[in-house]
Amino acid sequence: MTIDARIDNDNGALAVPTLGPVLRAVRDSRKVSRERLAFNAGVSSSYITHLEKGARERPTREVLDAIIRYLDRVVPLSVEERRQLRDLAGLTATGCPPLEELRAAVTPEMRGLLDQPLPAAITAVGGHVLACNPGWERAFPGTREGVNQFHWLFGCEYARRALVDWEAEVTLSVQAFRVAVGGFGGSETFTELLDELSRYPEFRRIWGGGGVATVPPMWRIRLRDLESGTERTVLVQTGMVHTGPYPGWLVSQYLIPVPC
């Protein structure tokens, strides 16, 4: 296995999304002036200016809701845009536990969920594989406990071969990660991970596009067996693990075969 391909160290570090630039991008995309937004949100234009420049503290829930309501009337916001704005404003953010504590939070009962014929894994927000069974490792050659899924997607030689629709899968993953980063306040954990991932030109390209998405609880992907070359379609089922000391930080994932 090789996880150092397609790396470019000449580019600068990627920035963690913050409220100001995201708000300005949403406002500009609707061709709404600061003055017009301020009037309809019940604040001053200087407030919007300072907010977009990051020169003032996060807005209250009431102010942000007023901003979102007006922008939504001009052009409806997507679910992802709404969530990102609220997350970056700190209205849904939670503290980020160290990765070591997340690993320790995987209880024997959680690991028992992996004792089944279906490929399964327990991951952390940010893509770290905390536990997985042999079926998962066979489905995604090169993955194992301790591997980050983003490093596998962009740096492992097997990823492009195993994922038939590699471009679509990585685009969804990166855009969903943009939303998740906002939900945890641009913590140091994600800042460090972003710095690592910025070495991959493909990651930089997708991240730089600014798109956001949410991963549905179940979606189809096509996998290729690297030995036989045969392809199959499976359903990926995900769910938040709400037990243990860090509810919402652990994610269960299963691969369900789709009948031919």
Protein backbone atom coordinates (compact mmCIF):
# COMPACT_ATOMS: atom_id res chain seq x y z
CA MET A 1 0.00 0.00 0.00
CA THR A 2 1.19 3.51 -0.82
CA ILE A 3 -0.33 6.61 0.75
CA ASP A 4 1.94 9.31 -0.56
CA ALA A 5 0.94 9.57 -4.22
CA ARG A 6 -0.29 12.76 -5.88
CA ILE A 7 1.07 15.05 -3.18
CA ASP A 8 1.92 18.69 -3.82
CA ASN A 9 3.78 20.50 -1.05
CA ASP A 10 4.23 23.80 -2.91
CA ASN A 11 0.79 25.23 -2.15
CA GLY A 12 -0.19 27.13 0.96
CA ALA A 13 -2.29 25.75 3.80
CA LEU A 14 -6.03 25.48 3.34
CA ALA A 15 -8.12 27.74 5.53
CA VAL A 16 -10.80 26.41 7.82
CA PRO A 17 -14.15 27.97 6.85
CA THR A 18 -15.25 30.88 9.03
CA LEU A 19 -18.56 32.67 9.22
CA GLY A 20 -17.53 35.98 7.62
CA PRO A 21 -16.32 34.75 4.22
CA VAL A 22 -19.11 32.18 3.96
CA LEU A 23 -21.77 34.78 4.76
CA ARG A 24 -20.31 37.18 2.22
CA ALA A 25 -20.23 34.45 -0.46
CA VAL A 26 -23.89 33.61 0.20
CA ARG A 27 -24.83 37.30 0.12
CA ASP A 28 -22.81 38.01 -3.05
CA SER A 29 -24.32 34.99 -4.82
CA ARG A 30 -27.72 36.62 -4.34
CA LYS A 31 -26.47 40.09 -5.35
CA VAL A 32 -27.64 41.55 -2.04
CA SER A 33 -25.82 44.62 -0.72
CA ARG A 34 -24.72 44.86 2.89
CA GLU A 35 -27.10 47.76 3.39
CA ARG A 36 -30.06 45.83 2.02
CA LEU A 37 -29.27 42.77 4.12
CA ALA A 38 -28.75 44.88 7.24
CA PHE A 39 -32.06 46.72 6.80
CA ASN A 40 -34.04 43.53 6.37
CA ALA A 41 -32.26 41.77 9.24
CA GLY A 42 -32.77 44.70 11.62
CA VAL A 43 -29.09 45.52 12.15
CA SER A 44 -26.72 48.22 10.92
CA SER A 45 -24.70 47.91 7.72
CA SER A 46 -21.52 48.35 9.78
CA TYR A 47 -22.57 45.28 11.79
CA ILE A 48 -22.71 43.19 8.61
CA THR A 49 -19.36 44.64 7.49
CA HIS A 50 -17.68 43.74 10.77
CA LEU A 51 -19.34 40.33 10.80
CA GLU A 52 -18.06 39.48 7.32
CA LYS A 53 -14.57 40.69 8.21
CA GLY A 54 -14.53 38.70 11.42
CA ALA A 55 -14.09 41.89 13.41
CA ARG A 56 -16.87 41.18 15.88
CA GLU A 57 -18.05 38.24 17.93
CA ARG A 58 -20.51 35.67 16.65
CA PRO A 59 -24.08 36.85 16.12
CA THR A 60 -26.94 35.86 18.37
CA ARG A 61 -29.35 33.19 17.19
CA GLU A 62 -32.02 35.86 16.60
CA VAL A 63 -29.76 37.97 14.39
CA LEU A 64 -28.49 35.02 12.37
CA ASP A 65 -32.01 33.68 11.90
CA ALA A 66 -33.09 37.10 10.59
CA ILE A 67 -30.15 37.13 8.15
CA ILE A 68 -30.93 33.60 6.97
CA ARG A 69 -34.64 34.35 6.56
CA TYR A 70 -33.99 37.31 4.31
CA LEU A 71 -31.34 35.62 2.18
CA ASP A 72 -33.66 32.64 1.87
CA ARG A 73 -36.44 34.87 0.54
CA VAL A 74 -34.15 36.22 -2.17
CA VAL A 75 -32.93 32.79 -3.29
CA PRO A 76 -33.77 29.72 -1.17
CA LEU A 77 -30.79 28.42 0.81
CA SER A 78 -29.96 24.74 0.66
CA VAL A 79 -30.06 22.64 3.80
CA GLU A 80 -26.27 22.54 3.69
CA GLU A 81 -25.93 26.33 3.44
CA ARG A 82 -28.25 26.83 6.41
CA ARG A 83 -26.39 24.30 8.51
CA GLN A 84 -22.99 25.74 7.63
CA LEU A 85 -24.00 29.28 8.56
CA ARG A 86 -25.44 28.15 11.90
CA ASP A 87 -22.48 25.89 12.62
CA LEU A 88 -19.92 28.60 11.86
CA ALA A 89 -21.83 31.02 14.07
CA GLY A 90 -21.27 28.62 16.93
CA LEU A 91 -24.95 27.89 17.40
CA THR A 92 -24.54 24.13 17.04
CA ALA A 93 -20.85 23.67 17.81
CA THR A 94 -19.54 21.24 20.40
CA GLY A 95 -16.09 20.69 21.84
CA CYS A 96 -13.67 18.48 19.93
CA PRO A 97 -12.32 15.52 21.93
CA PRO A 98 -8.78 14.27 21.17
CA LEU A 99 -8.56 11.38 18.72
CA GLU A 100 -7.06 9.15 21.41
CA GLU A 101 -10.17 9.66 23.55
CA LEU A 102 -12.43 8.87 20.61
CA ARG A 103 -10.57 5.59 20.08
CA ALA A 104 -10.99 4.77 23.75
CA ALA A 105 -14.72 5.58 23.48
CA VAL A 106 -15.27 2.57 21.21
CA THR A 107 -16.70 0.12 23.74
CA PRO A 108 -16.72 -3.69 23.48
CA GLU A 109 -20.45 -3.42 22.76
CA MET A 110 -19.74 -1.14 19.79
CA ARG A 111 -17.08 -3.50 18.51
CA GLY A 112 -19.65 -6.26 18.81
CA LEU A 113 -21.59 -4.52 16.03
CA LEU A 114 -18.74 -5.48 13.72
CA ASP A 115 -19.16 -9.21 14.38
CA GLN A 116 -21.40 -9.82 11.40
CA PRO A 117 -21.02 -10.85 7.74
CA LEU A 118 -21.69 -7.31 6.45
CA PRO A 119 -18.65 -5.06 5.96
CA ALA A 120 -18.80 -2.58 8.83
CA ALA A 121 -16.74 0.14 10.48
CA ILE A 122 -16.92 2.71 13.24
CA THR A 123 -15.34 6.01 12.29
CA ALA A 124 -14.94 9.41 13.89
CA VAL A 125 -16.09 12.72 12.47
CA GLY A 126 -13.14 13.68 10.28
CA GLY A 127 -12.78 10.25 8.69
CA HIS A 128 -10.58 8.37 11.17
CA VAL A 129 -11.28 4.63 11.16
CA LEU A 130 -11.57 3.62 14.81
CA ALA A 131 -12.64 0.01 14.25
CA CYS A 132 -13.58 -2.17 11.28
CA ASN A 133 -14.08 -5.80 10.38
CA PRO A 134 -12.31 -7.85 7.68
CA GLY A 135 -15.18 -7.34 5.23
CA TRP A 136 -14.64 -3.58 5.36
CA GLU A 137 -10.92 -3.99 4.70
CA ARG A 138 -11.68 -6.22 1.70
CA ALA A 139 -14.19 -3.74 0.29
CA PHE A 140 -11.76 -0.82 0.68
CA PRO A 141 -8.27 -2.31 0.25
CA GLY A 142 -5.72 -0.39 2.26
CA THR A 143 -8.11 0.70 5.00
CA ARG A 144 -7.73 -0.55 8.54
CA GLU A 145 -7.97 0.75 12.06
CA GLY A 146 -5.95 3.94 12.39
CA VAL A 147 -6.21 4.96 8.73
CA ASN A 148 -7.96 8.20 7.84
CA GLN A 149 -10.53 7.77 5.08
CA PHE A 150 -9.53 11.02 3.37
CA HIS A 151 -5.89 9.96 3.21
CA TRP A 152 -7.09 6.66 1.75
CA LEU A 153 -9.30 8.38 -0.84
CA PHE A 154 -6.62 10.75 -2.08
CA GLY A 155 -3.34 9.05 -1.26
CA CYS A 156 -3.85 5.29 -1.52
CA GLU A 157 -3.11 3.68 -4.87
CA TYR A 158 -6.08 1.33 -4.45
CA ALA A 159 -8.82 3.92 -3.91
CA ARG A 160 -9.27 4.98 -7.54
CA ARG A 161 -9.44 1.36 -8.61
CA ALA A 162 -11.78 0.15 -5.86
CA LEU A 163 -14.24 3.05 -6.21
CA VAL A 164 -15.76 2.89 -9.69
CA ASP A 165 -17.15 6.44 -9.39
CA TRP A 166 -14.15 7.86 -7.53
CA GLU A 167 -14.69 11.50 -8.55
CA ALA A 168 -18.31 11.56 -7.39
CA GLU A 169 -17.52 9.80 -4.11
CA VAL A 170 -14.63 12.06 -3.14
CA THR A 171 -16.58 15.19 -4.09
CA LEU A 172 -19.44 14.19 -1.79
CA SER A 173 -16.99 13.36 1.01
CA VAL A 174 -15.11 16.67 0.80
CA GLN A 175 -18.24 18.79 0.54
CA ALA A 176 -19.76 17.01 3.55
CA PHE A 177 -16.50 17.54 5.45
CA ARG A 178 -16.78 21.29 4.84
CA VAL A 179 -20.11 21.22 6.66
CA ALA A 180 -18.74 19.07 9.51
CA VAL A 181 -15.78 21.41 10.05
CA GLY A 182 -18.14 24.29 10.68
CA GLY A 183 -20.07 22.22 13.17
CA PHE A 184 -17.06 21.94 15.41
CA GLY A 185 -15.84 25.49 15.25
CA GLY A 186 -12.73 24.96 13.12
CA SER A 187 -11.03 23.13 15.95
CA GLU A 188 -7.32 22.39 16.00
CA THR A 189 -8.03 18.76 15.16
CA PHE A 190 -9.59 19.70 11.84
CA THR A 191 -7.05 22.46 11.20
CA GLU A 192 -4.24 19.92 11.45
CA LEU A 193 -6.11 17.43 9.26
CA LEU A 194 -6.79 20.11 6.65
CA ASP A 195 -3.11 20.97 6.63
CA GLU A 196 -2.30 17.32 5.93
CA LEU A 197 -4.94 16.99 3.21
CA SER A 198 -3.86 20.21 1.51
CA ARG A 199 -0.95 18.23 0.06
CA TYR A 200 -3.33 16.48 -2.31
CA PRO A 201 -4.10 18.61 -5.39
CA GLU A 202 -7.45 16.87 -5.94
CA PHE A 203 -8.53 17.64 -2.39
CA ARG A 204 -7.50 21.28 -2.81
CA ARG A 205 -9.46 21.50 -6.05
CA ILE A 206 -12.70 20.19 -4.57
CA TRP A 207 -12.29 22.09 -1.31
CA GLY A 208 -11.56 25.28 -3.24
CA GLY A 209 -14.84 24.91 -5.10
CA GLY A 210 -16.64 25.83 -1.90
CA GLY A 211 -19.49 23.36 -2.39
CA VAL A 212 -21.28 21.87 0.62
CA ALA A 213 -23.30 18.68 0.95
CA THR A 214 -24.68 16.32 3.53
CA VAL A 215 -24.16 12.58 3.39
CA PRO A 216 -27.54 10.84 3.26
CA PRO A 217 -28.19 8.03 5.77
CA MET A 218 -28.07 5.57 2.87
CA TRP A 219 -26.65 5.88 -0.63
CA ARG A 220 -25.37 3.68 -3.46
CA ILE A 221 -21.76 3.23 -4.44
CA ARG A 222 -20.11 0.95 -6.95
CA LEU A 223 -17.11 -1.11 -5.86
CA ARG A 224 -14.58 -3.02 -7.93
CA ASP A 225 -12.85 -6.18 -6.74
CA LEU A 226 -9.16 -5.56 -7.38
CA GLU A 227 -8.35 -9.22 -7.94
CA SER A 228 -11.17 -10.24 -10.29
CA GLY A 229 -12.09 -6.83 -11.69
CA THR A 230 -15.79 -7.52 -11.12
CA GLU A 231 -18.02 -4.63 -10.08
CA ARG A 232 -20.88 -4.60 -7.60
CA THR A 233 -23.30 -2.05 -6.21
CA VAL A 234 -23.82 -1.70 -2.46
CA LEU A 235 -25.77 0.57 -0.16
CA VAL A 236 -23.72 2.46 2.40
CA GLN A 237 -25.76 2.91 5.58
CA THR A 238 -24.49 5.41 8.12
CA GLY A 239 -25.69 6.38 11.55
CA MET A 240 -24.49 8.48 14.45
CA VAL A 241 -23.55 6.55 17.59
CA HIS A 242 -25.33 8.35 20.40
CA THR A 243 -24.05 6.25 23.28
CA GLY A 244 -20.79 6.61 25.17
CA PRO A 245 -18.99 9.75 26.38
CA TYR A 246 -18.99 11.51 22.99
CA PRO A 247 -22.45 11.13 21.44
CA GLY A 248 -22.55 12.27 17.85
CA TRP A 249 -18.81 12.01 17.30
CA LEU A 250 -18.77 8.34 16.29
CA VAL A 251 -20.33 7.09 13.06
CA SER A 252 -21.31 3.53 12.23
CA GLN A 253 -21.09 2.45 8.59
CA TYR A 254 -22.35 -0.72 6.92
CA LEU A 255 -22.28 -2.03 3.36
CA ILE A 256 -25.52 -3.70 2.30
CA PRO A 257 -25.49 -5.69 -0.95
CA VAL A 258 -27.93 -4.67 -3.67
CA PRO A 259 -29.61 -7.66 -5.36
CA CYS A 260 -28.72 -8.00 -9.04
